[in-house]
Amino acid sequence: MAAMSAAIADVVAHALRTLPPETRGRFLRDLMATAAAGLTALEGEQASSEAVYRLGDAVVGCGPVDPA
């Protein structure tokens, strides 16, 4: 499982390096939406909702980002 996670991280990192900066946010939003949809199909709406909720909670915990 760890090797698969590392491989996925490599694919995402490569995409982020090669995409124009203005499209990277959209790419990540689409990736998260696709992952949530896949999780819903595999484990059901409740499991997917919980994962998305935890992700949102983690983001809020990070605080605001200074765009400068």
Protein backbone atom coordinates (compact mmCIF):
# COMPACT_ATOMS: atom_id res chain seq x y z
CA MET A 1 0.00 0.00 0.00
CA ALA A 2 2.83 2.43 0.85
CA ALA A 3 4.44 1.83 -2.54
CA MET A 4 1.14 2.55 -4.28
CA SER A 5 0.68 5.76 -2.29
CA ALA A 6 4.21 6.85 -3.19
CA ALA A 7 3.56 6.13 -6.87
CA ILE A 8 0.34 8.15 -6.79
CA ALA A 9 2.14 11.00 -5.04
CA ASP A 10 4.80 10.92 -7.76
CA VAL A 11 2.16 11.16 -10.51
CA VAL A 12 0.46 14.11 -8.80
CA ALA A 13 3.79 15.86 -8.14
CA HIS A 14 4.79 15.42 -11.79
CA ALA A 15 1.47 16.83 -12.95
CA LEU A 16 1.86 19.83 -10.65
CA ARG A 17 5.38 20.48 -11.92
CA THR A 18 4.32 20.36 -15.56
CA LEU A 19 0.98 22.18 -15.40
CA PRO A 20 0.87 25.95 -15.78
CA PRO A 21 0.59 27.58 -12.34
CA GLU A 22 -2.87 28.99 -13.07
CA THR A 23 -4.29 25.49 -13.69
CA ARG A 24 -2.81 23.69 -10.68
CA GLY A 25 -5.60 24.61 -8.27
CA ARG A 26 -8.26 23.40 -10.71
CA PHE A 27 -6.32 20.15 -11.21
CA LEU A 28 -6.23 19.50 -7.46
CA ARG A 29 -9.94 20.35 -7.03
CA ASP A 30 -10.83 17.96 -9.86
CA LEU A 31 -8.58 15.28 -8.37
CA MET A 32 -10.25 15.60 -4.95
CA ALA A 33 -13.73 15.49 -6.51
CA THR A 34 -12.84 12.40 -8.53
CA ALA A 35 -11.35 10.70 -5.46
CA ALA A 36 -14.49 11.47 -3.43
CA ALA A 37 -16.71 10.08 -6.19
CA GLY A 38 -14.58 6.93 -6.36
CA LEU A 39 -14.71 6.50 -2.60
CA THR A 40 -18.49 6.90 -2.73
CA ALA A 41 -18.71 4.14 -5.33
CA LEU A 42 -16.41 1.82 -3.38
CA GLU A 43 -17.37 2.43 0.25
CA GLY A 44 -20.61 4.39 0.16
CA GLU A 45 -21.78 7.91 0.75
CA GLN A 46 -21.20 7.90 4.50
CA ALA A 47 -17.52 6.91 4.22
CA SER A 48 -16.95 9.43 1.46
CA SER A 49 -18.70 12.20 3.36
CA GLU A 50 -16.61 11.49 6.44
CA ALA A 51 -13.38 11.61 4.43
CA VAL A 52 -14.34 14.89 2.76
CA TYR A 53 -15.39 16.34 6.12
CA ARG A 54 -12.02 15.40 7.64
CA LEU A 55 -10.20 16.93 4.69
CA GLY A 56 -12.15 20.15 5.13
CA ASP A 57 -11.43 20.11 8.85
CA ALA A 58 -7.71 19.74 8.15
CA VAL A 59 -7.79 22.65 5.72
CA VAL A 60 -9.55 24.91 8.21
CA GLY A 61 -6.99 23.92 10.83
CA CYS A 62 -4.17 25.16 8.58
CA GLY A 63 -5.44 28.73 8.64
CA PRO A 64 -5.39 31.28 5.82
CA VAL A 65 -2.74 31.24 3.12
CA ASP A 66 -0.95 34.44 2.17
CA PRO A 67 -1.10 34.55 -1.66
CA ALA A 68 1.89 36.91 -1.86
